[in-house]
Amino acid sequence: MKLRYLNERLLGGALLLALLVTAPAFAGNEQLKPFARGSWQEIVRSHAGRPTIVHFWGVTCGPCKVELPLLGAFMKDHPAVDMVTISADLVPDLPEATRAMLNKSGLGSAENWIFNDAYVERLRFEIDPGWQGDIPRTLLISARGEVTTMEGTAEMADIEKWSSQQAAAGR
């Protein structure tokens, strides 16, 4: 009986240690969700019926540094549009820099994700089988589920126009 109790405690301790070792990048900050297999379907499902902007970016992407504050201002001015950001950087272990850039850009309160799988090709394939990984990349998803893809830096005038169309369609 004592041996079983000791084995259960050792197993419980090992499981706790494994959780602590495998999740340090995301510990203590719910604003940055790990993007893994199935996350794309979760995002699409949770925003169904609402206009949503999904922006793929990276800490090491120069144009992203310019674009993020513009998207932060857009989010503030357009609360009826859901904002999702996904850090798709190929450089691993950048959660602190990712959080800092999001907060500085006014996107800290958006729904923020970060790629969390070494096999990034699989993640990109779930989103769009033809996507080779170029960032920035913005998907405008209408309330009806229609997707408009903007490769490279998005023109804010185009996003504003899309947003106005979404508002008109919702009336």
N, C-alpha and C. Protein backbone atom coordinates (compact mmCIF):
# COMPACT_ATOMS: atom_id res chain seq x y z
N MET A 1 0.83 -1.19 0.00
CA MET A 1 0.00 0.00 0.00
C MET A 1 0.88 1.25 0.00
N LYS A 2 1.95 1.25 0.84
CA LYS A 2 2.82 2.41 0.90
C LYS A 2 3.56 2.61 -0.42
N LEU A 3 3.95 1.51 -1.04
CA LEU A 3 4.66 1.60 -2.32
C LEU A 3 3.75 2.19 -3.39
N ARG A 4 2.48 1.81 -3.43
CA ARG A 4 1.53 2.36 -4.40
C ARG A 4 1.36 3.86 -4.18
N TYR A 5 1.21 4.27 -2.93
CA TYR A 5 1.06 5.69 -2.60
C TYR A 5 2.29 6.47 -3.05
N LEU A 6 3.47 5.93 -2.81
CA LEU A 6 4.72 6.59 -3.22
C LEU A 6 4.80 6.69 -4.74
N ASN A 7 4.43 5.62 -5.45
CA ASN A 7 4.44 5.64 -6.92
C ASN A 7 3.47 6.69 -7.46
N GLU A 8 2.27 6.78 -6.87
CA GLU A 8 1.29 7.78 -7.32
C GLU A 8 1.80 9.19 -7.09
N ARG A 9 2.46 9.42 -5.96
CA ARG A 9 3.00 10.76 -5.66
C ARG A 9 4.14 11.10 -6.61
N LEU A 10 4.99 10.10 -6.91
CA LEU A 10 6.09 10.33 -7.85
C LEU A 10 5.54 10.63 -9.24
N LEU A 11 4.53 9.87 -9.66
CA LEU A 11 3.92 10.09 -10.97
C LEU A 11 3.27 11.47 -11.03
N GLY A 12 2.55 11.84 -9.98
CA GLY A 12 1.92 13.17 -9.93
C GLY A 12 2.96 14.28 -10.00
N GLY A 13 4.06 14.11 -9.28
CA GLY A 13 5.14 15.11 -9.31
C GLY A 13 5.78 15.18 -10.68
N ALA A 14 5.96 14.03 -11.32
CA ALA A 14 6.56 14.01 -12.65
C ALA A 14 5.65 14.71 -13.66
N LEU A 15 4.33 14.49 -13.54
CA LEU A 15 3.40 15.16 -14.45
C LEU A 15 3.42 16.67 -14.24
N LEU A 16 3.45 17.10 -13.00
CA LEU A 16 3.50 18.53 -12.71
C LEU A 16 4.78 19.14 -13.26
N LEU A 17 5.89 18.47 -13.07
CA LEU A 17 7.17 18.95 -13.59
C LEU A 17 7.13 19.03 -15.11
N ALA A 18 6.55 18.04 -15.76
CA ALA A 18 6.45 18.05 -17.22
C ALA A 18 5.64 19.24 -17.70
N LEU A 19 4.54 19.54 -17.02
CA LEU A 19 3.73 20.70 -17.40
C LEU A 19 4.50 21.99 -17.24
N LEU A 20 5.24 22.12 -16.16
CA LEU A 20 6.02 23.34 -15.93
C LEU A 20 7.14 23.50 -16.94
N VAL A 21 7.76 22.40 -17.32
CA VAL A 21 8.87 22.47 -18.27
C VAL A 21 8.39 22.75 -19.68
N THR A 22 7.24 22.19 -20.07
CA THR A 22 6.79 22.34 -21.45
C THR A 22 6.00 23.61 -21.70
N ALA A 23 5.56 24.34 -20.68
CA ALA A 23 4.72 25.51 -20.90
C ALA A 23 5.28 26.81 -20.36
N PRO A 24 6.61 27.00 -20.19
CA PRO A 24 7.09 28.24 -19.60
C PRO A 24 6.84 29.45 -20.47
N ALA A 25 6.80 29.28 -21.78
CA ALA A 25 6.62 30.43 -22.66
C ALA A 25 5.24 31.07 -22.51
N PHE A 26 4.27 30.30 -22.04
CA PHE A 26 2.91 30.80 -21.96
C PHE A 26 2.42 30.97 -20.53
N ALA A 27 3.25 30.62 -19.56
CA ALA A 27 2.84 30.70 -18.17
C ALA A 27 2.59 32.15 -17.77
N GLY A 28 1.50 32.36 -17.07
CA GLY A 28 1.22 33.66 -16.49
C GLY A 28 0.73 34.71 -17.47
N ASN A 29 0.44 34.34 -18.70
CA ASN A 29 -0.06 35.34 -19.63
C ASN A 29 -1.08 34.71 -20.55
N GLU A 30 -2.34 34.91 -20.22
CA GLU A 30 -3.42 34.33 -21.01
C GLU A 30 -3.62 35.04 -22.34
N GLN A 31 -3.00 36.21 -22.52
CA GLN A 31 -3.24 36.95 -23.74
C GLN A 31 -2.53 36.34 -24.94
N LEU A 32 -1.64 35.40 -24.74
CA LEU A 32 -0.89 34.79 -25.83
C LEU A 32 -1.15 33.28 -25.82
N LYS A 33 -2.00 32.83 -26.74
CA LYS A 33 -2.39 31.43 -26.78
C LYS A 33 -1.47 30.65 -27.71
N PRO A 34 -1.13 29.43 -27.34
CA PRO A 34 -0.30 28.61 -28.23
C PRO A 34 -1.10 28.10 -29.43
N PHE A 35 -0.63 28.43 -30.63
CA PHE A 35 -1.30 28.01 -31.87
C PHE A 35 -0.70 26.68 -32.29
N ALA A 36 -1.54 25.65 -32.24
CA ALA A 36 -1.10 24.29 -32.57
C ALA A 36 -2.12 23.68 -33.53
N ARG A 37 -1.97 22.40 -33.82
CA ARG A 37 -2.92 21.72 -34.70
C ARG A 37 -4.33 21.87 -34.14
N GLY A 38 -5.26 22.25 -35.01
CA GLY A 38 -6.64 22.42 -34.60
C GLY A 38 -7.01 23.83 -34.16
N SER A 39 -6.00 24.67 -33.92
CA SER A 39 -6.28 26.03 -33.46
C SER A 39 -7.02 26.85 -34.51
N TRP A 40 -6.67 26.63 -35.78
CA TRP A 40 -7.34 27.40 -36.83
C TRP A 40 -8.84 27.12 -36.84
N GLN A 41 -9.21 25.85 -36.73
CA GLN A 41 -10.63 25.50 -36.71
C GLN A 41 -11.31 26.11 -35.48
N GLU A 42 -10.62 26.16 -34.37
CA GLU A 42 -11.15 26.76 -33.15
C GLU A 42 -11.43 28.26 -33.36
N ILE A 43 -10.50 28.95 -34.01
CA ILE A 43 -10.66 30.38 -34.28
C ILE A 43 -11.86 30.60 -35.20
N VAL A 44 -11.93 29.86 -36.29
CA VAL A 44 -13.01 30.01 -37.25
C VAL A 44 -14.36 29.75 -36.58
N ARG A 45 -14.43 28.70 -35.79
CA ARG A 45 -15.67 28.35 -35.10
C ARG A 45 -16.09 29.43 -34.10
N SER A 46 -15.15 29.93 -33.33
CA SER A 46 -15.49 30.88 -32.26
C SER A 46 -15.87 32.27 -32.79
N HIS A 47 -15.50 32.58 -34.04
CA HIS A 47 -15.83 33.89 -34.61
C HIS A 47 -16.88 33.80 -35.72
N ALA A 48 -17.46 32.64 -35.90
CA ALA A 48 -18.48 32.46 -36.94
C ALA A 48 -19.63 33.44 -36.73
N GLY A 49 -20.04 34.07 -37.82
CA GLY A 49 -21.15 35.02 -37.76
C GLY A 49 -20.76 36.43 -37.38
N ARG A 50 -19.46 36.67 -37.18
CA ARG A 50 -18.98 38.01 -36.84
C ARG A 50 -17.86 38.39 -37.81
N PRO A 51 -17.83 39.66 -38.24
CA PRO A 51 -16.70 40.07 -39.07
C PRO A 51 -15.42 39.99 -38.25
N THR A 52 -14.39 39.39 -38.84
CA THR A 52 -13.16 39.12 -38.10
C THR A 52 -11.95 39.40 -38.98
N ILE A 53 -10.97 40.05 -38.38
CA ILE A 53 -9.68 40.24 -39.04
C ILE A 53 -8.69 39.30 -38.36
N VAL A 54 -8.02 38.48 -39.16
CA VAL A 54 -6.96 37.61 -38.65
C VAL A 54 -5.67 38.06 -39.30
N HIS A 55 -4.74 38.52 -38.46
CA HIS A 55 -3.49 39.08 -38.95
C HIS A 55 -2.32 38.19 -38.55
N PHE A 56 -1.58 37.71 -39.54
CA PHE A 56 -0.38 36.90 -39.32
C PHE A 56 0.82 37.82 -39.40
N TRP A 57 1.69 37.74 -38.43
CA TRP A 57 2.81 38.66 -38.35
C TRP A 57 3.97 37.99 -37.61
N GLY A 58 5.07 38.71 -37.46
CA GLY A 58 6.20 38.19 -36.72
C GLY A 58 7.06 39.30 -36.14
N VAL A 59 7.72 38.99 -35.06
CA VAL A 59 8.60 39.95 -34.37
C VAL A 59 9.75 40.38 -35.27
N THR A 60 10.24 39.48 -36.11
CA THR A 60 11.38 39.79 -36.97
C THR A 60 10.98 40.40 -38.30
N CYS A 61 9.70 40.69 -38.48
CA CYS A 61 9.17 41.23 -39.74
C CYS A 61 9.12 42.75 -39.67
N GLY A 62 9.92 43.43 -40.49
CA GLY A 62 9.95 44.88 -40.51
C GLY A 62 8.61 45.53 -40.82
N PRO A 63 7.95 45.14 -41.91
CA PRO A 63 6.64 45.74 -42.22
C PRO A 63 5.61 45.51 -41.12
N CYS A 64 5.73 44.41 -40.39
CA CYS A 64 4.78 44.12 -39.31
C CYS A 64 4.88 45.16 -38.20
N LYS A 65 6.09 45.63 -37.95
CA LYS A 65 6.29 46.64 -36.89
C LYS A 65 5.57 47.94 -37.22
N VAL A 66 5.44 48.24 -38.49
CA VAL A 66 4.72 49.44 -38.93
C VAL A 66 3.22 49.19 -38.91
N GLU A 67 2.82 48.01 -39.32
CA GLU A 67 1.40 47.68 -39.48
C GLU A 67 0.67 47.44 -38.16
N LEU A 68 1.33 46.86 -37.17
CA LEU A 68 0.65 46.52 -35.93
C LEU A 68 -0.01 47.72 -35.24
N PRO A 69 0.67 48.86 -35.09
CA PRO A 69 -0.01 50.00 -34.45
C PRO A 69 -1.23 50.49 -35.23
N LEU A 70 -1.19 50.37 -36.54
CA LEU A 70 -2.34 50.76 -37.35
C LEU A 70 -3.52 49.84 -37.07
N LEU A 71 -3.24 48.55 -36.94
CA LEU A 71 -4.29 47.59 -36.61
C LEU A 71 -4.80 47.80 -35.18
N GLY A 72 -3.90 48.19 -34.28
CA GLY A 72 -4.31 48.49 -32.91
C GLY A 72 -5.28 49.66 -32.87
N ALA A 73 -4.99 50.71 -33.64
CA ALA A 73 -5.89 51.87 -33.72
C ALA A 73 -7.22 51.47 -34.36
N PHE A 74 -7.15 50.63 -35.40
CA PHE A 74 -8.37 50.15 -36.05
C PHE A 74 -9.23 49.39 -35.05
N MET A 75 -8.62 48.50 -34.28
CA MET A 75 -9.37 47.70 -33.31
C MET A 75 -10.08 48.61 -32.30
N LYS A 76 -9.39 49.62 -31.85
CA LYS A 76 -9.96 50.55 -30.87
C LYS A 76 -11.18 51.28 -31.46
N ASP A 77 -11.10 51.66 -32.73
CA ASP A 77 -12.16 52.43 -33.38
C ASP A 77 -13.28 51.57 -33.95
N HIS A 78 -13.10 50.25 -34.02
CA HIS A 78 -14.09 49.35 -34.63
C HIS A 78 -14.38 48.15 -33.72
N PRO A 79 -15.04 48.38 -32.60
CA PRO A 79 -15.29 47.27 -31.66
C PRO A 79 -16.21 46.18 -32.21
N ALA A 80 -16.93 46.45 -33.29
CA ALA A 80 -17.82 45.44 -33.86
C ALA A 80 -17.07 44.41 -34.72
N VAL A 81 -15.79 44.67 -34.97
CA VAL A 81 -14.97 43.75 -35.76
C VAL A 81 -14.03 43.01 -34.80
N ASP A 82 -14.06 41.69 -34.83
CA ASP A 82 -13.16 40.90 -33.99
C ASP A 82 -11.75 40.97 -34.56
N MET A 83 -10.76 41.08 -33.67
CA MET A 83 -9.35 41.15 -34.09
C MET A 83 -8.62 39.95 -33.50
N VAL A 84 -7.97 39.19 -34.39
CA VAL A 84 -7.17 38.03 -33.99
C VAL A 84 -5.79 38.23 -34.59
N THR A 85 -4.74 38.11 -33.77
CA THR A 85 -3.39 38.15 -34.32
C THR A 85 -2.74 36.80 -34.07
N ILE A 86 -1.91 36.40 -35.02
CA ILE A 86 -1.18 35.14 -34.89
C ILE A 86 0.28 35.41 -35.26
N SER A 87 1.14 35.27 -34.27
CA SER A 87 2.58 35.43 -34.51
C SER A 87 3.07 34.15 -35.19
N ALA A 88 3.43 34.30 -36.46
CA ALA A 88 3.83 33.14 -37.26
C ALA A 88 5.33 33.19 -37.55
N ASP A 89 6.07 33.81 -36.65
CA ASP A 89 7.51 33.94 -36.81
C ASP A 89 8.17 32.57 -36.83
N LEU A 90 9.19 32.42 -37.66
CA LEU A 90 9.92 31.16 -37.70
C LEU A 90 10.95 31.06 -36.59
N VAL A 91 11.25 32.18 -35.94
CA VAL A 91 12.21 32.19 -34.84
C VAL A 91 11.48 31.66 -33.60
N PRO A 92 12.00 30.62 -32.96
CA PRO A 92 11.31 30.05 -31.80
C PRO A 92 11.52 30.89 -30.54
N ASP A 93 10.68 30.64 -29.55
CA ASP A 93 10.81 31.20 -28.21
C ASP A 93 10.84 32.72 -28.18
N LEU A 94 9.86 33.35 -28.81
CA LEU A 94 9.77 34.80 -28.81
C LEU A 94 8.54 35.33 -28.06
N PRO A 95 8.01 34.62 -27.07
CA PRO A 95 6.77 35.11 -26.46
C PRO A 95 6.91 36.46 -25.77
N GLU A 96 8.02 36.72 -25.12
CA GLU A 96 8.17 38.01 -24.43
C GLU A 96 8.20 39.16 -25.43
N ALA A 97 8.97 39.02 -26.49
CA ALA A 97 9.03 40.06 -27.52
C ALA A 97 7.67 40.21 -28.21
N THR A 98 6.99 39.10 -28.40
CA THR A 98 5.67 39.12 -29.03
C THR A 98 4.69 39.91 -28.17
N ARG A 99 4.65 39.59 -26.88
CA ARG A 99 3.76 40.31 -25.96
C ARG A 99 4.09 41.79 -25.93
N ALA A 100 5.36 42.13 -25.88
CA ALA A 100 5.78 43.54 -25.82
C ALA A 100 5.31 44.30 -27.06
N MET A 101 5.48 43.69 -28.24
CA MET A 101 5.05 44.36 -29.48
C MET A 101 3.54 44.52 -29.53
N LEU A 102 2.81 43.52 -29.10
CA LEU A 102 1.35 43.61 -29.11
C LEU A 102 0.87 44.70 -28.16
N ASN A 103 1.43 44.75 -26.97
CA ASN A 103 1.03 45.76 -26.00
C ASN A 103 1.37 47.16 -26.49
N LYS A 104 2.55 47.33 -27.04
CA LYS A 104 2.98 48.64 -27.55
C LYS A 104 2.09 49.10 -28.71
N SER A 105 1.58 48.16 -29.47
CA SER A 105 0.77 48.47 -30.65
C SER A 105 -0.71 48.64 -30.34
N GLY A 106 -1.11 48.47 -29.10
CA GLY A 106 -2.51 48.58 -28.75
C GLY A 106 -3.31 47.32 -29.04
N LEU A 107 -2.62 46.20 -29.25
CA LEU A 107 -3.29 44.94 -29.55
C LEU A 107 -3.23 43.93 -28.40
N GLY A 108 -2.79 44.39 -27.24
CA GLY A 108 -2.67 43.49 -26.10
C GLY A 108 -3.99 42.84 -25.70
N SER A 109 -5.10 43.53 -25.94
CA SER A 109 -6.41 42.99 -25.56
C SER A 109 -7.08 42.22 -26.69
N ALA A 110 -6.43 42.13 -27.84
CA ALA A 110 -6.98 41.33 -28.95
C ALA A 110 -6.84 39.85 -28.59
N GLU A 111 -7.40 38.99 -29.42
CA GLU A 111 -7.20 37.55 -29.26
C GLU A 111 -5.87 37.23 -29.94
N ASN A 112 -4.85 36.95 -29.14
CA ASN A 112 -3.49 36.80 -29.66
C ASN A 112 -2.99 35.37 -29.52
N TRP A 113 -2.39 34.87 -30.59
CA TRP A 113 -1.87 33.52 -30.67
C TRP A 113 -0.40 33.58 -31.11
N ILE A 114 0.33 32.51 -30.85
CA ILE A 114 1.71 32.37 -31.33
C ILE A 114 1.92 30.93 -31.76
N PHE A 115 2.53 30.74 -32.95
CA PHE A 115 2.81 29.39 -33.43
C PHE A 115 3.54 28.62 -32.34
N ASN A 116 3.08 27.40 -32.09
CA ASN A 116 3.64 26.58 -31.02
C ASN A 116 3.88 25.15 -31.49
N ASP A 117 4.41 25.03 -32.69
CA ASP A 117 4.69 23.71 -33.25
C ASP A 117 5.91 23.87 -34.14
N ALA A 118 6.91 23.04 -33.93
CA ALA A 118 8.13 23.13 -34.74
C ALA A 118 7.85 22.87 -36.22
N TYR A 119 6.77 22.17 -36.50
CA TYR A 119 6.42 21.84 -37.87
C TYR A 119 5.42 22.89 -38.37
N VAL A 120 5.93 24.10 -38.65
CA VAL A 120 5.07 25.23 -39.01
C VAL A 120 4.35 25.01 -40.34
N GLU A 121 4.92 24.20 -41.20
CA GLU A 121 4.27 23.93 -42.48
C GLU A 121 2.90 23.31 -42.27
N ARG A 122 2.80 22.43 -41.29
CA ARG A 122 1.52 21.78 -40.98
C ARG A 122 0.50 22.82 -40.52
N LEU A 123 0.93 23.78 -39.69
CA LEU A 123 0.03 24.83 -39.21
C LEU A 123 -0.44 25.70 -40.37
N ARG A 124 0.49 26.08 -41.23
CA ARG A 124 0.13 26.92 -42.38
C ARG A 124 -0.82 26.17 -43.32
N PHE A 125 -0.61 24.88 -43.51
CA PHE A 125 -1.45 24.08 -44.39
C PHE A 125 -2.89 24.04 -43.89
N GLU A 126 -3.08 23.96 -42.57
CA GLU A 126 -4.43 23.96 -42.01
C GLU A 126 -5.16 25.26 -42.33
N ILE A 127 -4.41 26.36 -42.36
CA ILE A 127 -5.00 27.68 -42.62
C ILE A 127 -5.27 27.85 -44.10
N ASP A 128 -4.26 27.57 -44.92
CA ASP A 128 -4.36 27.74 -46.37
C ASP A 128 -3.28 26.87 -47.01
N PRO A 129 -3.66 25.80 -47.70
CA PRO A 129 -2.68 24.89 -48.29
C PRO A 129 -1.71 25.58 -49.25
N GLY A 130 -2.08 26.72 -49.80
CA GLY A 130 -1.19 27.42 -50.73
C GLY A 130 -0.28 28.45 -50.09
N TRP A 131 -0.41 28.67 -48.80
CA TRP A 131 0.39 29.69 -48.12
C TRP A 131 1.79 29.17 -47.85
N GLN A 132 2.77 29.92 -48.33
CA GLN A 132 4.18 29.54 -48.16
C GLN A 132 4.82 30.13 -46.90
N GLY A 133 4.08 30.97 -46.17
CA GLY A 133 4.59 31.50 -44.91
C GLY A 133 4.98 32.96 -44.93
N ASP A 134 4.77 33.65 -46.06
CA ASP A 134 5.11 35.07 -46.12
C ASP A 134 4.25 35.85 -45.14
N ILE A 135 4.89 36.77 -44.42
CA ILE A 135 4.18 37.67 -43.51
C ILE A 135 4.66 39.09 -43.77
N PRO A 136 3.83 40.08 -43.51
CA PRO A 136 2.51 40.00 -42.94
C PRO A 136 1.48 39.47 -43.94
N ARG A 137 0.42 38.96 -43.36
CA ARG A 137 -0.70 38.40 -44.14
C ARG A 137 -1.96 38.63 -43.33
N THR A 138 -2.97 39.16 -43.97
CA THR A 138 -4.21 39.50 -43.27
C THR A 138 -5.39 38.84 -43.96
N LEU A 139 -6.24 38.20 -43.17
CA LEU A 139 -7.46 37.60 -43.68
C LEU A 139 -8.64 38.39 -43.13
N LEU A 140 -9.48 38.86 -44.02
CA LEU A 140 -10.70 39.55 -43.64
C LEU A 140 -11.83 38.55 -43.82
N ILE A 141 -12.46 38.16 -42.74
CA ILE A 141 -13.50 37.14 -42.78
C ILE A 141 -14.84 37.80 -42.47
N SER A 142 -15.72 37.77 -43.44
CA SER A 142 -17.03 38.40 -43.28
C SER A 142 -17.89 37.58 -42.32
N ALA A 143 -19.00 38.17 -41.89
CA ALA A 143 -19.94 37.46 -41.03
C ALA A 143 -20.51 36.23 -41.72
N ARG A 144 -20.53 36.23 -43.04
CA ARG A 144 -21.02 35.08 -43.81
C ARG A 144 -19.92 34.04 -44.07
N GLY A 145 -18.71 34.33 -43.61
CA GLY A 145 -17.61 33.39 -43.78
C GLY A 145 -16.78 33.58 -45.03
N GLU A 146 -17.06 34.63 -45.81
CA GLU A 146 -16.28 34.91 -47.01
C GLU A 146 -14.92 35.48 -46.59
N VAL A 147 -13.86 34.96 -47.21
CA VAL A 147 -12.50 35.34 -46.83
C VAL A 147 -11.83 36.14 -47.94
N THR A 148 -11.29 37.29 -47.57
CA THR A 148 -10.46 38.10 -48.45
C THR A 148 -9.05 38.06 -47.89
N THR A 149 -8.08 37.66 -48.70
CA THR A 149 -6.70 37.55 -48.25
C THR A 149 -5.89 38.74 -48.75
N MET A 150 -5.15 39.36 -47.85
CA MET A 150 -4.28 40.48 -48.19
C MET A 150 -2.84 40.04 -47.92
N GLU A 151 -2.09 39.82 -49.00
CA GLU A 151 -0.69 39.42 -48.88
C GLU A 151 0.18 40.65 -48.69
N GLY A 152 1.17 40.58 -47.84
CA GLY A 152 2.04 41.74 -47.59
C GLY A 152 1.32 42.76 -46.71
N THR A 153 1.85 43.94 -46.68
CA THR A 153 1.27 45.00 -45.85
C THR A 153 -0.13 45.35 -46.33
N ALA A 154 -1.07 45.33 -45.42
CA ALA A 154 -2.47 45.63 -45.76
C ALA A 154 -2.66 47.14 -45.82
N GLU A 155 -3.41 47.56 -46.80
CA GLU A 155 -3.77 48.97 -46.91
C GLU A 155 -4.93 49.24 -45.96
N MET A 156 -4.73 50.17 -45.05
CA MET A 156 -5.78 50.46 -44.07
C MET A 156 -7.05 50.97 -44.74
N ALA A 157 -6.93 51.67 -45.85
CA ALA A 157 -8.12 52.14 -46.57
C ALA A 157 -8.96 50.95 -47.03
N ASP A 158 -8.30 49.87 -47.47
CA ASP A 158 -9.03 48.68 -47.89
C ASP A 158 -9.72 48.00 -46.71
N ILE A 159 -9.07 47.99 -45.56
CA ILE A 159 -9.66 47.39 -44.36
C ILE A 159 -10.85 48.24 -43.91
N GLU A 160 -10.71 49.55 -43.96
CA GLU A 160 -11.82 50.45 -43.60
C GLU A 160 -13.01 50.22 -44.53
N LYS A 161 -12.75 50.09 -45.82
CA LYS A 161 -13.82 49.86 -46.79
C LYS A 161 -14.52 48.54 -46.50
N TRP A 162 -13.74 47.50 -46.25
CA TRP A 162 -14.30 46.19 -45.91
C TRP A 162 -15.16 46.29 -44.65
N SER A 163 -14.65 46.99 -43.64
CA SER A 163 -15.37 47.15 -42.38
C SER A 163 -16.71 47.87 -42.60
N SER A 164 -16.70 48.90 -43.43
CA SER A 164 -17.94 49.61 -43.73
C SER A 164 -18.95 48.70 -44.43
N GLN A 165 -18.46 47.87 -45.32
CA GLN A 165 -19.33 46.91 -46.01
C GLN A 165 -19.93 45.91 -45.02
N GLN A 166 -19.13 45.50 -44.03
CA GLN A 166 -19.61 44.56 -43.03
C GLN A 166 -20.69 45.20 -42.17
N ALA A 167 -20.47 46.47 -41.80
CA ALA A 167 -21.46 47.19 -40.99
C ALA A 167 -22.77 47.34 -41.76
N ALA A 168 -22.67 47.67 -43.05
CA ALA A 168 -23.86 47.84 -43.88
C ALA A 168 -24.62 46.52 -44.04
N ALA A 169 -23.88 45.43 -44.16
CA ALA A 169 -24.51 44.11 -44.34
C ALA A 169 -25.21 43.65 -43.06
N GLY A 170 -24.71 44.14 -41.92
CA GLY A 170 -25.28 43.72 -40.64
C GLY A 170 -26.53 44.48 -40.23
N ARG A 171 -26.88 45.51 -40.98
CA ARG A 171 -28.07 46.32 -40.63
C ARG A 171 -29.34 45.72 -41.12
